[in-house]
Amino acid sequence: MTLPIWMYFVVAGIFASAFMTVKSAKEEKKIEDEWIEKEGEVYISRMHEEKERRRQFS
């Protein structure tokens, strides 16, 4: 019992789609982590500036 050739293409397409989904999810996570880290650095630098400003006024 052999499958029609188009069934092999469908199965290959499913695997290719799953691979691309996993790949793009990893890339998105990496980009999101970089953005979160950058925003965290901005927040920390603002905290240091505020702390320094308060130290100068007291």
Protein backbone atom coordinates (compact mmCIF):
# COMPACT_ATOMS: atom_id res chain seq x y z
CA MET A 1 0.00 0.00 0.00
CA THR A 2 1.77 3.11 -1.23
CA LEU A 3 0.76 6.66 -0.62
CA PRO A 4 0.23 9.12 -3.44
CA ILE A 5 3.19 11.41 -4.07
CA TRP A 6 1.27 14.49 -2.93
CA MET A 7 0.97 12.98 0.56
CA TYR A 8 4.76 12.99 0.87
CA PHE A 9 4.75 16.68 -0.04
CA VAL A 10 2.08 17.39 2.56
CA VAL A 11 4.05 15.60 5.28
CA ALA A 12 7.26 17.38 4.23
CA GLY A 13 5.38 20.69 4.33
CA ILE A 14 4.14 19.99 7.85
CA PHE A 15 7.67 19.26 9.05
CA ALA A 16 9.06 22.34 7.30
CA SER A 17 6.33 24.48 8.86
CA ALA A 18 7.04 23.11 12.32
CA PHE A 19 10.76 23.74 11.89
CA MET A 20 10.20 27.34 10.76
CA THR A 21 7.79 27.95 13.66
CA VAL A 22 10.36 26.79 16.21
CA LYS A 23 13.12 28.77 14.51
CA SER A 24 11.13 32.01 14.42
CA ALA A 25 10.01 31.56 18.04
CA LYS A 26 13.65 31.29 19.13
CA GLU A 27 14.58 34.39 17.14
CA GLU A 28 11.67 36.37 18.61
CA LYS A 29 12.64 35.32 22.14
CA LYS A 30 16.22 36.42 21.54
CA ILE A 31 15.10 39.82 20.23
CA GLU A 32 12.66 40.24 23.11
CA ASP A 33 15.34 39.34 25.68
CA GLU A 34 17.73 41.89 24.15
CA TRP A 35 15.02 44.56 24.29
CA ILE A 36 14.18 43.76 27.91
CA GLU A 37 17.88 43.92 28.85
CA LYS A 38 18.26 47.29 27.12
CA GLU A 39 15.20 48.70 28.86
CA GLY A 40 16.49 47.38 32.18
CA GLU A 41 19.78 49.18 31.66
CA VAL A 42 17.91 52.42 30.91
CA TYR A 43 15.85 51.99 34.08
CA ILE A 44 18.92 51.33 36.21
CA SER A 45 20.76 54.34 34.76
CA ARG A 46 17.75 56.54 35.59
CA MET A 47 17.76 55.18 39.14
CA HIS A 48 21.45 56.04 39.49
CA GLU A 49 20.85 59.54 38.11
CA GLU A 50 17.97 60.10 40.51
CA LYS A 51 20.02 58.81 43.42
CA GLU A 52 22.88 61.12 42.49
CA ARG A 53 20.51 64.08 42.11
CA ARG A 54 19.03 63.44 45.56
CA ARG A 55 22.50 63.11 47.05
CA GLN A 56 23.48 66.52 45.64
CA PHE A 57 20.42 68.27 47.13
CA SER A 58 20.77 66.82 50.59
